[in-house]
Amino acid sequence: MAKTDYAALAPDLLEKVGGQDNVRSLSRCATRLRFALKDESKARTDAIKATSGVVTVVQSGGQSR
């Protein structure tokens, strides 16, 4: 299994969720990043799912996980 380059992945994900100005808050645990977004319609969910290192996207109650 290839190691994920998180330093490269982070700015890519930030752009795909609509940029820094669209992020209300961000939290993480061992297996997830949780984005609380100001405007979920700005998040490019299909592009995020297609990103290497991302397993899936779950949207629930203002969070993209």
PDB file of N, CA and C in Angstrom:
ATOM      1  N   MET A   1       0.834  -1.176   0.000  1.00  0.00           N
ATOM      2  CA  MET A   1       0.000   0.000   0.000  1.00  0.00           C
ATOM      3  C   MET A   1       0.886   1.249   0.000  1.00  0.00           C
ATOM      4  N   ALA A   2       0.616   2.169  -0.911  1.00  0.00           N
ATOM      5  CA  ALA A   2       1.399   3.392  -1.017  1.00  0.00           C
ATOM      6  C   ALA A   2       1.052   4.337   0.127  1.00  0.00           C
ATOM      7  N   LYS A   3       2.068   5.050   0.608  1.00  0.00           N
ATOM      8  CA  LYS A   3       1.834   6.038   1.659  1.00  0.00           C
ATOM      9  C   LYS A   3       1.236   7.292   1.042  1.00  0.00           C
ATOM     10  N   THR A   4       0.316   7.900   1.748  1.00  0.00           N
ATOM     11  CA  THR A   4      -0.314   9.127   1.298  1.00  0.00           C
ATOM     12  C   THR A   4       0.550  10.315   1.686  1.00  0.00           C
ATOM     13  N   ASP A   5       0.753  11.227   0.737  1.00  0.00           N
ATOM     14  CA  ASP A   5       1.500  12.461   0.990  1.00  0.00           C
ATOM     15  C   ASP A   5       0.505  13.500   1.507  1.00  0.00           C
ATOM     16  N   TYR A   6       0.350  13.554   2.828  1.00  0.00           N
ATOM     17  CA  TYR A   6      -0.655  14.432   3.423  1.00  0.00           C
ATOM     18  C   TYR A   6      -0.331  15.908   3.214  1.00  0.00           C
ATOM     19  N   ALA A   7       0.947  16.258   3.122  1.00  0.00           N
ATOM     20  CA  ALA A   7       1.321  17.651   2.882  1.00  0.00           C
ATOM     21  C   ALA A   7       0.829  18.116   1.509  1.00  0.00           C
ATOM     22  N   ALA A   8       0.793  17.222   0.546  1.00  0.00           N
ATOM     23  CA  ALA A   8       0.278  17.554  -0.784  1.00  0.00           C
ATOM     24  C   ALA A   8      -1.240  17.434  -0.829  1.00  0.00           C
ATOM     25  N   LEU A   9      -1.802  16.511  -0.067  1.00  0.00           N
ATOM     26  CA  LEU A   9      -3.238  16.277  -0.063  1.00  0.00           C
ATOM     27  C   LEU A   9      -4.009  17.431   0.580  1.00  0.00           C
ATOM     28  N   ALA A  10      -3.483  18.008   1.633  1.00  0.00           N
ATOM     29  CA  ALA A  10      -4.193  19.043   2.389  1.00  0.00           C
ATOM     30  C   ALA A  10      -4.599  20.253   1.540  1.00  0.00           C
ATOM     31  N   PRO A  11      -3.690  20.891   0.803  1.00  0.00           N
ATOM     32  CA  PRO A  11      -4.126  22.048   0.007  1.00  0.00           C
ATOM     33  C   PRO A  11      -5.083  21.659  -1.116  1.00  0.00           C
ATOM     34  N   ASP A  12      -4.940  20.458  -1.641  1.00  0.00           N
ATOM     35  CA  ASP A  12      -5.842  19.973  -2.686  1.00  0.00           C
ATOM     36  C   ASP A  12      -7.254  19.826  -2.131  1.00  0.00           C
ATOM     37  N   LEU A  13      -7.387  19.223  -0.958  1.00  0.00           N
ATOM     38  CA  LEU A  13      -8.700  19.076  -0.334  1.00  0.00           C
ATOM     39  C   LEU A  13      -9.297  20.434   0.019  1.00  0.00           C
ATOM     40  N   LEU A  14      -8.474  21.323   0.526  1.00  0.00           N
ATOM     41  CA  LEU A  14      -8.953  22.650   0.894  1.00  0.00           C
ATOM     42  C   LEU A  14      -9.549  23.368  -0.314  1.00  0.00           C
ATOM     43  N   GLU A  15      -8.898  23.253  -1.443  1.00  0.00           N
ATOM     44  CA  GLU A  15      -9.410  23.866  -2.672  1.00  0.00           C
ATOM     45  C   GLU A  15     -10.727  23.212  -3.086  1.00  0.00           C
ATOM     46  N   LYS A  16     -10.820  21.896  -2.945  1.00  0.00           N
ATOM     47  CA  LYS A  16     -12.013  21.158  -3.387  1.00  0.00           C
ATOM     48  C   LYS A  16     -13.215  21.335  -2.471  1.00  0.00           C
ATOM     49  N   VAL A  17     -13.008  21.787  -1.239  1.00  0.00           N
ATOM     50  CA  VAL A  17     -14.148  22.065  -0.365  1.00  0.00           C
ATOM     51  C   VAL A  17     -14.613  23.513  -0.490  1.00  0.00           C
ATOM     52  N   GLY A  18     -14.014  24.248  -1.393  1.00  0.00           N
ATOM     53  CA  GLY A  18     -14.446  25.624  -1.632  1.00  0.00           C
ATOM     54  C   GLY A  18     -13.505  26.673  -1.093  1.00  0.00           C
ATOM     55  N   GLY A  19     -12.326  26.257  -0.686  1.00  0.00           N
ATOM     56  CA  GLY A  19     -11.324  27.205  -0.203  1.00  0.00           C
ATOM     57  C   GLY A  19     -11.430  27.471   1.284  1.00  0.00           C
ATOM     58  N   GLN A  20     -10.400  28.104   1.788  1.00  0.00           N
ATOM     59  CA  GLN A  20     -10.294  28.383   3.219  1.00  0.00           C
ATOM     60  C   GLN A  20     -11.467  29.222   3.728  1.00  0.00           C
ATOM     61  N   ASP A  21     -11.951  30.145   2.913  1.00  0.00           N
ATOM     62  CA  ASP A  21     -13.053  31.008   3.343  1.00  0.00           C
ATOM     63  C   ASP A  21     -14.374  30.253   3.489  1.00  0.00           C
ATOM     64  N   ASN A  22     -14.454  29.042   2.933  1.00  0.00           N
ATOM     65  CA  ASN A  22     -15.678  28.248   3.041  1.00  0.00           C
ATOM     66  C   ASN A  22     -15.652  27.299   4.239  1.00  0.00           C
ATOM     67  N   VAL A  23     -14.559  27.229   4.947  1.00  0.00           N
ATOM     68  CA  VAL A  23     -14.424  26.306   6.082  1.00  0.00           C
ATOM     69  C   VAL A  23     -14.787  27.028   7.370  1.00  0.00           C
ATOM     70  N   ARG A  24     -15.841  26.551   8.008  1.00  0.00           N
ATOM     71  CA  ARG A  24     -16.258  27.108   9.300  1.00  0.00           C
ATOM     72  C   ARG A  24     -15.367  26.538  10.402  1.00  0.00           C
ATOM     73  N   SER A  25     -15.136  25.214  10.352  1.00  0.00           N
ATOM     74  CA  SER A  25     -14.242  24.560  11.312  1.00  0.00           C
ATOM     75  C   SER A  25     -13.754  23.247  10.715  1.00  0.00           C
ATOM     76  N   LEU A  26     -12.690  22.730  11.297  1.00  0.00           N
ATOM     77  CA  LEU A  26     -12.083  21.481  10.856  1.00  0.00           C
ATOM     78  C   LEU A  26     -11.647  20.719  12.087  1.00  0.00           C
ATOM     79  N   SER A  27     -11.984  19.437  12.137  1.00  0.00           N
ATOM     80  CA  SER A  27     -11.502  18.583  13.216  1.00  0.00           C
ATOM     81  C   SER A  27     -11.049  17.270  12.599  1.00  0.00           C
ATOM     82  N   ARG A  28     -10.296  16.525  13.350  1.00  0.00           N
ATOM     83  CA  ARG A  28      -9.811  15.254  12.833  1.00  0.00           C
ATOM     84  C   ARG A  28      -9.700  14.243  13.954  1.00  0.00           C
ATOM     85  N   CYS A  29      -9.743  12.986  13.534  1.00  0.00           N
ATOM     86  CA  CYS A  29      -9.433  11.880  14.433  1.00  0.00           C
ATOM     87  C   CYS A  29      -8.500  10.966  13.648  1.00  0.00           C
ATOM     88  N   ALA A  30      -8.280   9.788  14.121  1.00  0.00           N
ATOM     89  CA  ALA A  30      -7.330   8.888  13.462  1.00  0.00           C
ATOM     90  C   ALA A  30      -7.770   8.492  12.054  1.00  0.00           C
ATOM     91  N   THR A  31      -9.067   8.512  11.788  1.00  0.00           N
ATOM     92  CA  THR A  31      -9.552   8.010  10.504  1.00  0.00           C
ATOM     93  C   THR A  31     -10.309   9.029   9.660  1.00  0.00           C
ATOM     94  N   ARG A  32     -10.552  10.236  10.181  1.00  0.00           N
ATOM     95  CA  ARG A  32     -11.407  11.177   9.452  1.00  0.00           C
ATOM     96  C   ARG A  32     -10.943  12.619   9.592  1.00  0.00           C
ATOM     97  N   LEU A  33     -11.267  13.389   8.562  1.00  0.00           N
ATOM     98  CA  LEU A  33     -11.260  14.848   8.654  1.00  0.00           C
ATOM     99  C   LEU A  33     -12.711  15.268   8.619  1.00  0.00           C
ATOM    100  N   ARG A  34     -13.079  16.170   9.480  1.00  0.00           N
ATOM    101  CA  ARG A  34     -14.460  16.665   9.491  1.00  0.00           C
ATOM    102  C   ARG A  34     -14.435  18.155   9.198  1.00  0.00           C
ATOM    103  N   PHE A  35     -14.996  18.507   8.063  1.00  0.00           N
ATOM    104  CA  PHE A  35     -15.108  19.898   7.665  1.00  0.00           C
ATOM    105  C   PHE A  35     -16.526  20.371   7.951  1.00  0.00           C
ATOM    106  N   ALA A  36     -16.676  21.445   8.691  1.00  0.00           N
ATOM    107  CA  ALA A  36     -17.962  22.131   8.803  1.00  0.00           C
ATOM    108  C   ALA A  36     -17.852  23.292   7.822  1.00  0.00           C
ATOM    109  N   LEU A  37     -18.673  23.261   6.788  1.00  0.00           N
ATOM    110  CA  LEU A  37     -18.577  24.234   5.714  1.00  0.00           C
ATOM    111  C   LEU A  37     -19.658  25.298   5.831  1.00  0.00           C
ATOM    112  N   LYS A  38     -19.327  26.487   5.392  1.00  0.00           N
ATOM    113  CA  LYS A  38     -20.300  27.579   5.358  1.00  0.00           C
ATOM    114  C   LYS A  38     -21.324  27.340   4.258  1.00  0.00           C
ATOM    115  N   ASP A  39     -20.858  26.839   3.101  1.00  0.00           N
ATOM    116  CA  ASP A  39     -21.735  26.598   1.956  1.00  0.00           C
ATOM    117  C   ASP A  39     -21.356  25.256   1.330  1.00  0.00           C
ATOM    118  N   GLU A  40     -22.125  24.211   1.637  1.00  0.00           N
ATOM    119  CA  GLU A  40     -21.812  22.871   1.128  1.00  0.00           C
ATOM    120  C   GLU A  40     -21.865  22.781  -0.391  1.00  0.00           C
ATOM    121  N   SER A  41     -22.622  23.661  -1.028  1.00  0.00           N
ATOM    122  CA  SER A  41     -22.736  23.610  -2.490  1.00  0.00           C
ATOM    123  C   SER A  41     -21.414  23.950  -3.179  1.00  0.00           C
ATOM    124  N   LYS A  42     -20.491  24.576  -2.464  1.00  0.00           N
ATOM    125  CA  LYS A  42     -19.182  24.905  -3.042  1.00  0.00           C
ATOM    126  C   LYS A  42     -18.236  23.702  -3.040  1.00  0.00           C
ATOM    127  N   ALA A  43     -18.527  22.693  -2.238  1.00  0.00           N
ATOM    128  CA  ALA A  43     -17.677  21.503  -2.160  1.00  0.00           C
ATOM    129  C   ALA A  43     -17.892  20.643  -3.398  1.00  0.00           C
ATOM    130  N   ARG A  44     -16.797  20.273  -4.041  1.00  0.00           N
ATOM    131  CA  ARG A  44     -16.856  19.420  -5.231  1.00  0.00           C
ATOM    132  C   ARG A  44     -16.705  17.961  -4.787  1.00  0.00           C
ATOM    133  N   THR A  45     -17.816  17.402  -4.328  1.00  0.00           N
ATOM    134  CA  THR A  45     -17.835  16.077  -3.719  1.00  0.00           C
ATOM    135  C   THR A  45     -17.263  14.998  -4.623  1.00  0.00           C
ATOM    136  N   ASP A  46     -17.653  14.984  -5.895  1.00  0.00           N
ATOM    137  CA  ASP A  46     -17.137  13.953  -6.809  1.00  0.00           C
ATOM    138  C   ASP A  46     -15.631  14.064  -6.974  1.00  0.00           C
ATOM    139  N   ALA A  47     -15.118  15.275  -7.039  1.00  0.00           N
ATOM    140  CA  ALA A  47     -13.668  15.473  -7.162  1.00  0.00           C
ATOM    141  C   ALA A  47     -12.950  15.032  -5.891  1.00  0.00           C
ATOM    142  N   ILE A  48     -13.572  15.285  -4.742  1.00  0.00           N
ATOM    143  CA  ILE A  48     -12.969  14.854  -3.473  1.00  0.00           C
ATOM    144  C   ILE A  48     -12.909  13.330  -3.416  1.00  0.00           C
ATOM    145  N   LYS A  49     -14.020  12.668  -3.775  1.00  0.00           N
ATOM    146  CA  LYS A  49     -14.056  11.199  -3.765  1.00  0.00           C
ATOM    147  C   LYS A  49     -13.017  10.600  -4.703  1.00  0.00           C
ATOM    148  N   ALA A  50     -12.728  11.279  -5.803  1.00  0.00           N
ATOM    149  CA  ALA A  50     -11.777  10.773  -6.797  1.00  0.00           C
ATOM    150  C   ALA A  50     -10.325  11.049  -6.422  1.00  0.00           C
ATOM    151  N   THR A  51     -10.097  11.748  -5.329  1.00  0.00           N
ATOM    152  CA  THR A  51      -8.752  12.115  -4.904  1.00  0.00           C
ATOM    153  C   THR A  51      -8.050  10.934  -4.245  1.00  0.00           C
ATOM    154  N   SER A  52      -6.834  10.653  -4.682  1.00  0.00           N
ATOM    155  CA  SER A  52      -6.038   9.592  -4.074  1.00  0.00           C
ATOM    156  C   SER A  52      -5.818   9.906  -2.595  1.00  0.00           C
ATOM    157  N   GLY A  53      -6.081   8.946  -1.739  1.00  0.00           N
ATOM    158  CA  GLY A  53      -5.941   9.137  -0.303  1.00  0.00           C
ATOM    159  C   GLY A  53      -7.276   9.369   0.382  1.00  0.00           C
ATOM    160  N   VAL A  54      -8.342   9.599  -0.409  1.00  0.00           N
ATOM    161  CA  VAL A  54      -9.687   9.789   0.134  1.00  0.00           C
ATOM    162  C   VAL A  54     -10.472   8.512  -0.104  1.00  0.00           C
ATOM    163  N   VAL A  55     -11.068   7.970   0.942  1.00  0.00           N
ATOM    164  CA  VAL A  55     -11.843   6.740   0.821  1.00  0.00           C
ATOM    165  C   VAL A  55     -13.262   7.058   0.376  1.00  0.00           C
ATOM    166  N   THR A  56     -13.902   8.007   1.033  1.00  0.00           N
ATOM    167  CA  THR A  56     -15.266   8.395   0.670  1.00  0.00           C
ATOM    168  C   THR A  56     -15.581   9.755   1.271  1.00  0.00           C
ATOM    169  N   VAL A  57     -16.734  10.270   0.937  1.00  0.00           N
ATOM    170  CA  VAL A  57     -17.240  11.526   1.490  1.00  0.00           C
ATOM    171  C   VAL A  57     -18.624  11.254   2.041  1.00  0.00           C
ATOM    172  N   VAL A  58     -18.863  11.726   3.260  1.00  0.00           N
ATOM    173  CA  VAL A  58     -20.185  11.623   3.865  1.00  0.00           C
ATOM    174  C   VAL A  58     -20.611  13.037   4.220  1.00  0.00           C
ATOM    175  N   GLN A  59     -21.782  13.433   3.773  1.00  0.00           N
ATOM    176  CA  GLN A  59     -22.287  14.751   4.120  1.00  0.00           C
ATOM    177  C   GLN A  59     -23.448  14.586   5.076  1.00  0.00           C
ATOM    178  N   SER A  60     -23.345  15.303   6.204  1.00  0.00           N
ATOM    179  CA  SER A  60     -24.358  15.154   7.237  1.00  0.00           C
ATOM    180  C   SER A  60     -24.376  16.393   8.122  1.00  0.00           C
ATOM    181  N   GLY A  61     -25.493  17.055   8.167  1.00  0.00           N
ATOM    182  CA  GLY A  61     -25.662  18.162   9.102  1.00  0.00           C
ATOM    183  C   GLY A  61     -24.619  19.258   8.987  1.00  0.00           C
ATOM    184  N   GLY A  62     -24.229  19.600   7.757  1.00  0.00           N
ATOM    185  CA  GLY A  62     -23.264  20.670   7.560  1.00  0.00           C
ATOM    186  C   GLY A  62     -21.827  20.232   7.623  1.00  0.00           C
ATOM    187  N   GLN A  63     -21.578  18.941   7.704  1.00  0.00           N
ATOM    188  CA  GLN A  63     -20.209  18.447   7.740  1.00  0.00           C
ATOM    189  C   GLN A  63     -19.917  17.604   6.514  1.00  0.00           C
ATOM    190  N   SER A  64     -18.754  17.804   5.915  1.00  0.00           N
ATOM    191  CA  SER A  64     -18.239  16.872   4.907  1.00  0.00           C
ATOM    192  C   SER A  64     -17.141  16.088   5.593  1.00  0.00           C
ATOM    193  N   ARG A  65     -17.281  14.796   5.602  1.00  0.00           N
ATOM    194  CA  ARG A  65     -16.291  13.978   6.312  1.00  0.00           C
ATOM    195  C   ARG A  65     -15.509  13.149   5.335  1.00  0.00           C
TER     196      ARG A  65
END
